[in-house]
Structures are given as structure tokens and as C-alpha cells.
C-alpha atoms as a PDB file:
ATOM      1  CA  MET A   1     -39.485 -15.927  85.997  1.00  0.00           C
ATOM      2  CA  SER A   2     -36.478 -13.961  87.095  1.00  0.00           C
ATOM      3  CA  GLY A   3     -37.094 -10.259  86.952  1.00  0.00           C
ATOM      4  CA  SER A   4     -40.839 -10.598  86.508  1.00  0.00           C
ATOM      5  CA  ALA A   5     -43.703  -9.846  88.861  1.00  0.00           C
ATOM      6  CA  ALA A   6     -44.607 -12.391  91.533  1.00  0.00           C
ATOM      7  CA  PRO A   7     -47.403 -14.685  90.358  1.00  0.00           C
ATOM      8  CA  ALA A   8     -50.886 -14.364  91.800  1.00  0.00           C
ATOM      9  CA  VAL A   9     -52.022 -17.772  90.505  1.00  0.00           C
ATOM     10  CA  GLU A  10     -50.102 -21.023  89.964  1.00  0.00           C
ATOM     11  CA  VAL A  11     -51.601 -23.877  87.970  1.00  0.00           C
ATOM     12  CA  VAL A  12     -50.184 -27.394  88.379  1.00  0.00           C
ATOM     13  CA  LEU A  13     -50.947 -30.016  85.715  1.00  0.00           C
ATOM     14  CA  TYR A  14     -50.011 -33.648  86.369  1.00  0.00           C
ATOM     15  CA  HIS A  15     -48.698 -35.820  83.534  1.00  0.00           C
ATOM     16  CA  LEU A  16     -47.378 -39.335  82.962  1.00  0.00           C
ATOM     17  CA  ALA A  17     -45.000 -40.333  80.174  1.00  0.00           C
ATOM     18  CA  ASP A  18     -42.933 -43.439  79.595  1.00  0.00           C
ATOM     19  CA  ARG A  19     -40.688 -41.540  77.194  1.00  0.00           C
ATOM     20  CA  GLY A  20     -39.292 -38.309  78.578  1.00  0.00           C
ATOM     21  CA  PRO A  21     -38.345 -36.862  75.184  1.00  0.00           C
ATOM     22  CA  ASP A  22     -41.998 -37.098  74.057  1.00  0.00           C
ATOM     23  CA  ILE A  23     -43.362 -34.998  76.914  1.00  0.00           C
ATOM     24  CA  VAL A  24     -40.477 -32.525  76.666  1.00  0.00           C
ATOM     25  CA  ALA A  25     -41.278 -31.991  72.960  1.00  0.00           C
ATOM     26  CA  ALA A  26     -45.003 -31.596  73.735  1.00  0.00           C
ATOM     27  CA  TYR A  27     -44.181 -29.113  76.514  1.00  0.00           C
ATOM     28  CA  HIS A  28     -42.060 -26.983  74.172  1.00  0.00           C
ATOM     29  CA  GLU A  29     -44.801 -26.985  71.526  1.00  0.00           C
ATOM     30  CA  ALA A  30     -47.497 -26.000  74.035  1.00  0.00           C
ATOM     31  CA  SER A  31     -45.213 -23.277  75.421  1.00  0.00           C
ATOM     32  CA  ARG A  32     -44.653 -21.886  71.912  1.00  0.00           C
ATOM     33  CA  ARG A  33     -48.420 -21.832  71.361  1.00  0.00           C
ATOM     34  CA  MET A  34     -48.956 -19.977  74.640  1.00  0.00           C
ATOM     35  CA  ALA A  35     -46.230 -17.380  74.042  1.00  0.00           C
ATOM     36  CA  GLY A  36     -47.673 -13.899  74.348  1.00  0.00           C
ATOM     37  CA  THR A  37     -50.772 -14.990  76.270  1.00  0.00           C
ATOM     38  CA  PRO A  38     -51.895 -11.965  78.319  1.00  0.00           C
ATOM     39  CA  GLY A  39     -51.202 -12.472  82.014  1.00  0.00           C
ATOM     40  CA  LEU A  40     -49.021 -15.569  81.619  1.00  0.00           C
ATOM     41  CA  LEU A  41     -45.756 -14.906  83.455  1.00  0.00           C
ATOM     42  CA  GLY A  42     -44.130 -18.226  82.554  1.00  0.00           C
ATOM     43  CA  ASN A  43     -44.233 -21.977  83.040  1.00  0.00           C
ATOM     44  CA  GLN A  44     -41.949 -24.885  83.761  1.00  0.00           C
ATOM     45  CA  LEU A  45     -41.840 -28.636  83.272  1.00  0.00           C
ATOM     46  CA  MET A  46     -40.620 -30.711  86.221  1.00  0.00           C
ATOM     47  CA  ASN A  47     -39.932 -34.420  86.680  1.00  0.00           C
ATOM     48  CA  GLN A  48     -40.657 -36.118  90.015  1.00  0.00           C
ATOM     49  CA  VAL A  49     -37.456 -37.294  91.702  1.00  0.00           C
ATOM     50  CA  GLY A  50     -37.415 -41.077  91.939  1.00  0.00           C
ATOM     51  CA  ARG A  51     -40.279 -41.491  89.497  1.00  0.00           C
ATOM     52  CA  PRO A  52     -39.097 -40.978  85.913  1.00  0.00           C
ATOM     53  CA  ASP A  53     -42.594 -41.295  84.395  1.00  0.00           C
ATOM     54  CA  SER A  54     -44.208 -38.559  86.535  1.00  0.00           C
ATOM     55  CA  TYR A  55     -44.183 -34.904  85.424  1.00  0.00           C
ATOM     56  CA  VAL A  56     -45.842 -31.628  86.309  1.00  0.00           C
ATOM     57  CA  VAL A  57     -46.219 -28.437  84.346  1.00  0.00           C
ATOM     58  CA  VAL A  58     -46.587 -25.347  86.511  1.00  0.00           C
ATOM     59  CA  SER A  59     -47.768 -22.089  84.961  1.00  0.00           C
ATOM     60  CA  TYR A  60     -47.628 -18.700  86.641  1.00  0.00           C
ATOM     61  CA  TRP A  61     -50.248 -15.990  86.097  1.00  0.00           C
ATOM     62  CA  ASP A  62     -50.323 -12.327  87.065  1.00  0.00           C
ATOM     63  CA  SER A  63     -53.949 -12.434  88.245  1.00  0.00           C
ATOM     64  CA  TRP A  64     -56.960 -14.664  88.701  1.00  0.00           C
ATOM     65  CA  GLU A  65     -58.777 -12.606  86.061  1.00  0.00           C
ATOM     66  CA  SER A  66     -56.045 -13.212  83.455  1.00  0.00           C
ATOM     67  CA  PHE A  67     -56.125 -16.950  84.111  1.00  0.00           C
ATOM     68  CA  GLU A  68     -59.946 -17.127  83.959  1.00  0.00           C
ATOM     69  CA  THR A  69     -60.040 -15.128  80.722  1.00  0.00           C
ATOM     70  CA  TRP A  70     -57.501 -17.438  79.103  1.00  0.00           C
ATOM     71  CA  GLU A  71     -59.160 -20.614  80.406  1.00  0.00           C
ATOM     72  CA  ALA A  72     -62.576 -19.516  79.078  1.00  0.00           C
ATOM     73  CA  GLY A  73     -61.138 -18.447  75.723  1.00  0.00           C
ATOM     74  CA  ALA A  74     -61.443 -20.289  72.434  1.00  0.00           C
ATOM     75  CA  GLY A  75     -57.677 -20.849  72.070  1.00  0.00           C
ATOM     76  CA  HIS A  76     -57.140 -22.551  75.439  1.00  0.00           C
ATOM     77  CA  LYS A  77     -57.668 -26.130  74.256  1.00  0.00           C
ATOM     78  CA  ASP A  78     -55.600 -25.703  71.079  1.00  0.00           C
ATOM     79  CA  GLN A  79     -52.712 -24.157  72.989  1.00  0.00           C
ATOM     80  CA  THR A  80     -52.522 -27.019  75.487  1.00  0.00           C
ATOM     81  CA  ALA A  81     -53.381 -29.829  73.037  1.00  0.00           C
ATOM     82  CA  PRO A  82     -49.794 -31.151  72.685  1.00  0.00           C
ATOM     83  CA  LEU A  83     -49.729 -32.104  76.384  1.00  0.00           C
ATOM     84  CA  ARG A  84     -53.253 -33.506  76.639  1.00  0.00           C
ATOM     85  CA  ALA A  85     -52.228 -37.075  75.720  1.00  0.00           C
ATOM     86  CA  PHE A  86     -49.923 -37.144  78.751  1.00  0.00           C
ATOM     87  CA  ARG A  87     -52.456 -36.058  81.415  1.00  0.00           C
ATOM     88  CA  ASP A  88     -52.399 -38.219  84.527  1.00  0.00           C
ATOM     89  CA  VAL A  89     -56.046 -39.306  84.423  1.00  0.00           C
ATOM     90  CA  GLY A  90     -55.486 -41.751  87.293  1.00  0.00           C
ATOM     91  CA  ARG A  91     -55.761 -38.814  89.679  1.00  0.00           C
ATOM     92  CA  GLU A  92     -59.095 -37.512  90.902  1.00  0.00           C
ATOM     93  CA  ARG A  93     -58.184 -34.273  89.093  1.00  0.00           C
ATOM     94  CA  PRO A  94     -55.287 -34.017  86.627  1.00  0.00           C
ATOM     95  CA  PHE A  95     -54.667 -30.416  87.703  1.00  0.00           C
ATOM     96  CA  GLU A  96     -54.767 -28.062  90.684  1.00  0.00           C
ATOM     97  CA  ILE A  97     -55.080 -24.283  90.775  1.00  0.00           C
ATOM     98  CA  TYR A  98     -53.550 -22.279  93.604  1.00  0.00           C
ATOM     99  CA  LYS A  99     -54.066 -18.621  94.478  1.00  0.00           C
ATOM    100  CA  VAL A 100     -50.960 -17.144  96.086  1.00  0.00           C
ATOM    101  CA  LEU A 101     -51.772 -15.715  99.524  1.00  0.00           C
ATOM    102  CA  ALA A 102     -48.321 -14.613 100.678  1.00  0.00           C
ATOM    103  CA  ARG A 103     -44.780 -14.575  99.324  1.00  0.00           C
ATOM    104  CA  TYR A 104     -41.280 -13.584 100.503  1.00  0.00           C
END
């Protein structure tokens, strides 16, 4: 995200995977599918320290409107399909959406 505008919305998706290379490959495929999505500033895959099977994908959006438009669009499910098998469904919600209120 270096050199880009500060995000207005951050989306956190929780995933579980026994094999790290599988989720990394799925992340790269989903990221390729999402390339050029209006309003998407970027995303990243992170692994929880001390828990090798726990991952999050965080995406950064320029506005709430851009995120809502993408989420309601027909391509949303196809773009994120590679990661769907890894969703952490043991959580009450496998994702969280945060609006940025302040940033330094």
C-alpha cells in the first residue's frame, strides 16, 4: 500500500489451513481475480504467530461505497472463490469489516 491513499475501509477474513502452500496459492489466485477492482487499494495475507494453521486476509478499500458496490456485484463470489474452502467457519462470523475513523 506504499504510496497509495489511506484506506477508508478494512475487511478482515479469517481462514484455517493445515497446509500453508495451499492457502498461499488460493490467496494469489483470488488476488489476481480482484486486480483492477474499482476502489480496492490492496490486500495482504497474514499468518498468526504461534498458530501455523490460522490466517487472515485483510483488504483495503478507498471508500465504503466502493466496498459495498463490489460486495453486491455479480463477480464478488467468483473473485473470492479460491479462498472460500479455507474460511474459518468455527467463528461466529468468518469476517469483520472496519471503517477507519482516524489515522496517523
